[in-house]
């Protein structure tokens, strides 16, 4: 599993700015047509890092469509995520703190439980044809979703090469995706 993680990280980081921009635009166009996006009022999404598909245009689109946007913050007490609502002003003025793991997150504020979200756009390293998601290895999303009384629609966002046409080993704690959005296709998974 570690070899797979290293390989995909390397491949993501090797993408040119042009390739990243193309992937972002295509993913945005796919998301715009998704019924779960259109009906969602509360959207959880992340700030991209480490070669992930850029989320800037997606976040801007959500604000334009009147959605409430929430970003994850790692809760140090239990290593779960809480969701902090951000305003368009906060986003555009980059009112974020650097997390020890290298990503950015909103400055501490009142966090909400994942059950408040209608749609959760999740980062990943790889996903198989059954919706098994491999993250960066911290387990933050899995722990956060595990005991949620209400789960949002779980949408992975990834480059095409991150979708694997093999079956990954799913651990008992792994939280599968409802769908995976790549620049070229929306993969829906049966639950």
C-alpha atoms as a PDB file:
ATOM      1  CA  UNK A   1       0.000   0.000   0.000  1.00  0.00           C
ATOM      2  CA  UNK A   2       2.844   2.401   0.800  1.00  0.00           C
ATOM      3  CA  UNK A   3       4.364   1.773  -2.636  1.00  0.00           C
ATOM      4  CA  UNK A   4       1.049   2.648  -4.287  1.00  0.00           C
ATOM      5  CA  UNK A   5       0.766   5.820  -2.193  1.00  0.00           C
ATOM      6  CA  UNK A   6       4.301   6.918  -3.150  1.00  0.00           C
ATOM      7  CA  UNK A   7       3.715   6.201  -6.835  1.00  0.00           C
ATOM      8  CA  UNK A   8       0.484   8.210  -7.027  1.00  0.00           C
ATOM      9  CA  UNK A   9       1.894  11.113  -5.000  1.00  0.00           C
ATOM     10  CA  UNK A  10       4.812  11.299  -7.424  1.00  0.00           C
ATOM     11  CA  UNK A  11       2.505  11.172 -10.440  1.00  0.00           C
ATOM     12  CA  UNK A  12       0.274  13.942  -9.044  1.00  0.00           C
ATOM     13  CA  UNK A  13       3.215  16.213  -8.319  1.00  0.00           C
ATOM     14  CA  UNK A  14       4.625  15.704 -11.819  1.00  0.00           C
ATOM     15  CA  UNK A  15       1.577  17.274 -13.501  1.00  0.00           C
ATOM     16  CA  UNK A  16       2.230  20.563 -15.272  1.00  0.00           C
ATOM     17  CA  UNK A  17       0.278  23.728 -14.463  1.00  0.00           C
ATOM     18  CA  UNK A  18      -1.531  23.326 -17.770  1.00  0.00           C
ATOM     19  CA  UNK A  19      -2.550  19.738 -16.935  1.00  0.00           C
ATOM     20  CA  UNK A  20      -3.742  20.849 -13.488  1.00  0.00           C
ATOM     21  CA  UNK A  21      -5.783  23.706 -14.978  1.00  0.00           C
ATOM     22  CA  UNK A  22      -7.381  21.369 -17.529  1.00  0.00           C
ATOM     23  CA  UNK A  23      -8.258  18.828 -14.826  1.00  0.00           C
ATOM     24  CA  UNK A  24      -9.797  21.532 -12.626  1.00  0.00           C
ATOM     25  CA  UNK A  25     -11.961  22.914 -15.442  1.00  0.00           C
ATOM     26  CA  UNK A  26     -13.190  19.493 -16.542  1.00  0.00           C
ATOM     27  CA  UNK A  27     -13.962  18.434 -12.966  1.00  0.00           C
ATOM     28  CA  UNK A  28     -15.832  21.700 -12.397  1.00  0.00           C
ATOM     29  CA  UNK A  29     -17.996  21.073 -15.460  1.00  0.00           C
ATOM     30  CA  UNK A  30     -18.779  17.529 -14.273  1.00  0.00           C
ATOM     31  CA  UNK A  31     -19.661  18.716 -10.769  1.00  0.00           C
ATOM     32  CA  UNK A  32     -21.922  21.491 -12.042  1.00  0.00           C
ATOM     33  CA  UNK A  33     -24.200  18.866 -13.656  1.00  0.00           C
ATOM     34  CA  UNK A  34     -24.309  16.551 -10.633  1.00  0.00           C
ATOM     35  CA  UNK A  35     -27.755  16.460  -8.998  1.00  0.00           C
ATOM     36  CA  UNK A  36     -26.244  16.079  -5.516  1.00  0.00           C
ATOM     37  CA  UNK A  37     -24.318  19.324  -6.051  1.00  0.00           C
ATOM     38  CA  UNK A  38     -27.332  21.170  -7.446  1.00  0.00           C
ATOM     39  CA  UNK A  39     -29.541  20.283  -4.466  1.00  0.00           C
ATOM     40  CA  UNK A  40     -26.890  20.643  -1.730  1.00  0.00           C
ATOM     41  CA  UNK A  41     -26.980  23.703   0.513  1.00  0.00           C
ATOM     42  CA  UNK A  42     -24.086  22.772   2.807  1.00  0.00           C
ATOM     43  CA  UNK A  43     -20.927  21.643   1.003  1.00  0.00           C
ATOM     44  CA  UNK A  44     -17.788  20.368   2.696  1.00  0.00           C
ATOM     45  CA  UNK A  45     -14.653  20.633   0.579  1.00  0.00           C
ATOM     46  CA  UNK A  46     -10.917  20.885   1.148  1.00  0.00           C
ATOM     47  CA  UNK A  47      -8.194  23.283   0.065  1.00  0.00           C
ATOM     48  CA  UNK A  48      -6.078  21.391  -2.443  1.00  0.00           C
ATOM     49  CA  UNK A  49      -2.441  20.507  -1.728  1.00  0.00           C
ATOM     50  CA  UNK A  50       0.181  18.014  -2.860  1.00  0.00           C
ATOM     51  CA  UNK A  51      -0.913  17.908  -6.525  1.00  0.00           C
ATOM     52  CA  UNK A  52      -4.600  17.248  -5.828  1.00  0.00           C
ATOM     53  CA  UNK A  53      -7.103  18.596  -8.338  1.00  0.00           C
ATOM     54  CA  UNK A  54      -7.373  22.281  -7.625  1.00  0.00           C
ATOM     55  CA  UNK A  55     -10.530  23.237  -5.753  1.00  0.00           C
ATOM     56  CA  UNK A  56     -10.419  27.033  -6.195  1.00  0.00           C
ATOM     57  CA  UNK A  57     -12.920  27.221  -9.072  1.00  0.00           C
ATOM     58  CA  UNK A  58     -15.208  24.693  -7.381  1.00  0.00           C
ATOM     59  CA  UNK A  59     -15.294  26.754  -4.184  1.00  0.00           C
ATOM     60  CA  UNK A  60     -15.907  29.958  -6.153  1.00  0.00           C
ATOM     61  CA  UNK A  61     -18.730  28.256  -8.077  1.00  0.00           C
ATOM     62  CA  UNK A  62     -20.346  27.108  -4.825  1.00  0.00           C
ATOM     63  CA  UNK A  63     -20.320  30.680  -3.489  1.00  0.00           C
ATOM     64  CA  UNK A  64     -21.759  31.936  -6.794  1.00  0.00           C
ATOM     65  CA  UNK A  65     -24.601  29.409  -6.513  1.00  0.00           C
ATOM     66  CA  UNK A  66     -25.418  30.496  -2.949  1.00  0.00           C
ATOM     67  CA  UNK A  67     -24.070  27.366  -1.236  1.00  0.00           C
ATOM     68  CA  UNK A  68     -22.678  27.414   2.281  1.00  0.00           C
ATOM     69  CA  UNK A  69     -19.055  26.248   2.105  1.00  0.00           C
ATOM     70  CA  UNK A  70     -17.278  24.405   4.916  1.00  0.00           C
ATOM     71  CA  UNK A  71     -13.603  23.498   5.189  1.00  0.00           C
ATOM     72  CA  UNK A  72     -12.138  20.786   7.429  1.00  0.00           C
ATOM     73  CA  UNK A  73     -10.157  21.471  10.585  1.00  0.00           C
ATOM     74  CA  UNK A  74      -8.381  18.655  12.408  1.00  0.00           C
ATOM     75  CA  UNK A  75      -9.565  18.420  16.014  1.00  0.00           C
ATOM     76  CA  UNK A  76      -6.472  17.691  18.094  1.00  0.00           C
ATOM     77  CA  UNK A  77      -8.442  15.930  20.846  1.00  0.00           C
ATOM     78  CA  UNK A  78      -9.642  12.999  18.735  1.00  0.00           C
ATOM     79  CA  UNK A  79      -8.023  13.366  15.281  1.00  0.00           C
ATOM     80  CA  UNK A  80     -11.434  13.804  13.676  1.00  0.00           C
ATOM     81  CA  UNK A  81     -12.450  16.600  11.363  1.00  0.00           C
ATOM     82  CA  UNK A  82     -14.860  19.385  12.202  1.00  0.00           C
ATOM     83  CA  UNK A  83     -16.269  21.622   9.497  1.00  0.00           C
ATOM     84  CA  UNK A  84     -15.885  25.386   9.660  1.00  0.00           C
ATOM     85  CA  UNK A  85     -18.129  27.546   7.512  1.00  0.00           C
ATOM     86  CA  UNK A  86     -16.187  30.142   5.560  1.00  0.00           C
ATOM     87  CA  UNK A  87     -17.396  33.268   3.840  1.00  0.00           C
ATOM     88  CA  UNK A  88     -16.424  34.344   0.372  1.00  0.00           C
ATOM     89  CA  UNK A  89     -14.480  37.206   1.986  1.00  0.00           C
ATOM     90  CA  UNK A  90     -12.493  34.802   4.194  1.00  0.00           C
ATOM     91  CA  UNK A  91     -11.773  32.590   1.214  1.00  0.00           C
ATOM     92  CA  UNK A  92     -10.687  35.332  -1.162  1.00  0.00           C
ATOM     93  CA  UNK A  93      -8.503  36.952   1.494  1.00  0.00           C
ATOM     94  CA  UNK A  94      -6.894  33.610   2.376  1.00  0.00           C
ATOM     95  CA  UNK A  95      -7.695  33.700   6.073  1.00  0.00           C
ATOM     96  CA  UNK A  96      -6.135  30.306   6.726  1.00  0.00           C
ATOM     97  CA  UNK A  97      -3.560  28.727   9.008  1.00  0.00           C
ATOM     98  CA  UNK A  98      -0.914  26.211   8.014  1.00  0.00           C
ATOM     99  CA  UNK A  99      -1.474  22.782   9.537  1.00  0.00           C
ATOM    100  CA  UNK A 100       1.482  20.725  10.720  1.00  0.00           C
ATOM    101  CA  UNK A 101       0.726  18.125   7.999  1.00  0.00           C
ATOM    102  CA  UNK A 102       1.265  20.723   5.271  1.00  0.00           C
ATOM    103  CA  UNK A 103      -2.251  21.678   4.249  1.00  0.00           C
ATOM    104  CA  UNK A 104      -4.145  24.856   5.024  1.00  0.00           C
ATOM    105  CA  UNK A 105      -7.240  25.081   7.168  1.00  0.00           C
ATOM    106  CA  UNK A 106      -9.490  27.863   8.456  1.00  0.00           C
ATOM    107  CA  UNK A 107      -8.325  29.668  11.543  1.00  0.00           C
ATOM    108  CA  UNK A 108     -10.023  28.192  14.578  1.00  0.00           C
ATOM    109  CA  UNK A 109     -13.683  28.951  14.721  1.00  0.00           C
ATOM    110  CA  UNK A 110     -16.872  27.138  15.585  1.00  0.00           C
ATOM    111  CA  UNK A 111     -16.768  23.738  13.934  1.00  0.00           C
ATOM    112  CA  UNK A 112     -19.767  21.680  12.863  1.00  0.00           C
ATOM    113  CA  UNK A 113     -20.247  17.918  12.749  1.00  0.00           C
ATOM    114  CA  UNK A 114     -20.042  16.235   9.340  1.00  0.00           C
ATOM    115  CA  UNK A 115     -23.768  15.386   9.628  1.00  0.00           C
ATOM    116  CA  UNK A 116     -24.556  19.051   8.848  1.00  0.00           C
ATOM    117  CA  UNK A 117     -23.221  18.626   5.302  1.00  0.00           C
ATOM    118  CA  UNK A 118     -25.293  17.588   2.292  1.00  0.00           C
ATOM    119  CA  UNK A 119     -22.292  16.975   0.036  1.00  0.00           C
ATOM    120  CA  UNK A 120     -18.753  16.126   1.096  1.00  0.00           C
ATOM    121  CA  UNK A 121     -16.048  16.485  -1.565  1.00  0.00           C
ATOM    122  CA  UNK A 122     -13.147  14.323  -0.393  1.00  0.00           C
ATOM    123  CA  UNK A 123      -9.488  14.171  -1.396  1.00  0.00           C
ATOM    124  CA  UNK A 124      -7.846  10.824  -2.056  1.00  0.00           C
ATOM    125  CA  UNK A 125      -4.816   9.080  -3.429  1.00  0.00           C
ATOM    126  CA  UNK A 126      -6.657   6.207  -5.106  1.00  0.00           C
ATOM    127  CA  UNK A 127     -10.113   4.699  -5.491  1.00  0.00           C
ATOM    128  CA  UNK A 128     -11.181   1.324  -6.858  1.00  0.00           C
ATOM    129  CA  UNK A 129     -14.259   0.335  -8.884  1.00  0.00           C
ATOM    130  CA  UNK A 130     -16.197  -0.435  -5.668  1.00  0.00           C
ATOM    131  CA  UNK A 131     -15.661   3.004  -4.123  1.00  0.00           C
ATOM    132  CA  UNK A 132     -12.921   1.987  -1.704  1.00  0.00           C
ATOM    133  CA  UNK A 133     -10.918   5.132  -1.049  1.00  0.00           C
ATOM    134  CA  UNK A 134      -7.270   5.348  -0.074  1.00  0.00           C
ATOM    135  CA  UNK A 135      -6.383   8.660   1.535  1.00  0.00           C
ATOM    136  CA  UNK A 136      -3.061  10.027   2.676  1.00  0.00           C
ATOM    137  CA  UNK A 137      -2.970   7.544   5.552  1.00  0.00           C
ATOM    138  CA  UNK A 138      -4.123   9.646   8.509  1.00  0.00           C
ATOM    139  CA  UNK A 139      -7.658   8.218   8.655  1.00  0.00           C
ATOM    140  CA  UNK A 140      -9.225  11.620   9.354  1.00  0.00           C
ATOM    141  CA  UNK A 141     -12.184  11.238   6.980  1.00  0.00           C
ATOM    142  CA  UNK A 142     -12.814   7.598   7.974  1.00  0.00           C
ATOM    143  CA  UNK A 143     -12.879   8.421  11.705  1.00  0.00           C
ATOM    144  CA  UNK A 144     -15.066  11.459  11.107  1.00  0.00           C
ATOM    145  CA  UNK A 145     -17.667   9.579   9.064  1.00  0.00           C
ATOM    146  CA  UNK A 146     -17.630   6.324  11.051  1.00  0.00           C
ATOM    147  CA  UNK A 147     -20.159   7.231  13.740  1.00  0.00           C
ATOM    148  CA  UNK A 148     -22.026  10.016  12.011  1.00  0.00           C
ATOM    149  CA  UNK A 149     -25.802   9.664  12.493  1.00  0.00           C
ATOM    150  CA  UNK A 150     -26.318  11.174   9.043  1.00  0.00           C
ATOM    151  CA  UNK A 151     -23.759  10.829   6.306  1.00  0.00           C
ATOM    152  CA  UNK A 152     -23.486  13.374   3.508  1.00  0.00           C
ATOM    153  CA  UNK A 153     -23.150  12.286  -0.112  1.00  0.00           C
ATOM    154  CA  UNK A 154     -19.475  11.269  -0.266  1.00  0.00           C
ATOM    155  CA  UNK A 155     -17.863  12.410  -3.499  1.00  0.00           C
ATOM    156  CA  UNK A 156     -14.209  11.716  -4.182  1.00  0.00           C
ATOM    157  CA  UNK A 157     -12.341  14.165  -6.409  1.00  0.00           C
ATOM    158  CA  UNK A 158      -9.312  12.847  -8.276  1.00  0.00           C
ATOM    159  CA  UNK A 159      -7.283  12.786 -11.461  1.00  0.00           C
ATOM    160  CA  UNK A 160      -8.189  10.035 -13.935  1.00  0.00           C
ATOM    161  CA  UNK A 161      -5.094   7.983 -13.100  1.00  0.00           C
ATOM    162  CA  UNK A 162      -6.193   7.776  -9.456  1.00  0.00           C
ATOM    163  CA  UNK A 163      -9.154   5.559 -10.387  1.00  0.00           C
ATOM    164  CA  UNK A 164      -7.942   1.955 -10.283  1.00  0.00           C
ATOM    165  CA  UNK A 165      -9.708  -0.848 -12.107  1.00  0.00           C
ATOM    166  CA  UNK A 166      -8.669  -3.320  -9.425  1.00  0.00           C
ATOM    167  CA  UNK A 167     -10.149  -4.198  -6.061  1.00  0.00           C
ATOM    168  CA  UNK A 168      -8.352  -2.602  -3.134  1.00  0.00           C
ATOM    169  CA  UNK A 169      -8.409  -4.235   0.265  1.00  0.00           C
ATOM    170  CA  UNK A 170     -11.106  -2.530   2.312  1.00  0.00           C
ATOM    171  CA  UNK A 171     -10.500  -2.323   6.048  1.00  0.00           C
ATOM    172  CA  UNK A 172     -13.433  -2.475   8.469  1.00  0.00           C
ATOM    173  CA  UNK A 173     -13.012   1.224   9.306  1.00  0.00           C
ATOM    174  CA  UNK A 174     -12.825   2.412   5.677  1.00  0.00           C
ATOM    175  CA  UNK A 175     -15.686   4.662   4.618  1.00  0.00           C
ATOM    176  CA  UNK A 176     -16.522   4.027   0.946  1.00  0.00           C
ATOM    177  CA  UNK A 177     -17.423   6.745  -1.524  1.00  0.00           C
ATOM    178  CA  UNK A 178     -20.836   7.195  -3.101  1.00  0.00           C
ATOM    179  CA  UNK A 179     -19.162   8.449  -6.277  1.00  0.00           C
ATOM    180  CA  UNK A 180     -15.803   9.492  -7.695  1.00  0.00           C
ATOM    181  CA  UNK A 181     -15.527  12.515  -9.940  1.00  0.00           C
ATOM    182  CA  UNK A 182     -12.565  12.612 -12.317  1.00  0.00           C
ATOM    183  CA  UNK A 183     -11.988  15.091 -15.153  1.00  0.00           C
ATOM    184  CA  UNK A 184     -13.302  12.601 -17.715  1.00  0.00           C
ATOM    185  CA  UNK A 185     -15.989  10.641 -15.853  1.00  0.00           C
ATOM    186  CA  UNK A 186     -18.305  10.338 -12.881  1.00  0.00           C
ATOM    187  CA  UNK A 187     -18.034   6.860 -11.344  1.00  0.00           C
ATOM    188  CA  UNK A 188     -21.065   5.950  -9.181  1.00  0.00           C
ATOM    189  CA  UNK A 189     -20.827   3.138  -6.657  1.00  0.00           C
ATOM    190  CA  UNK A 190     -23.643   0.922  -5.360  1.00  0.00           C
ATOM    191  CA  UNK A 191     -24.315   0.874  -1.628  1.00  0.00           C
END
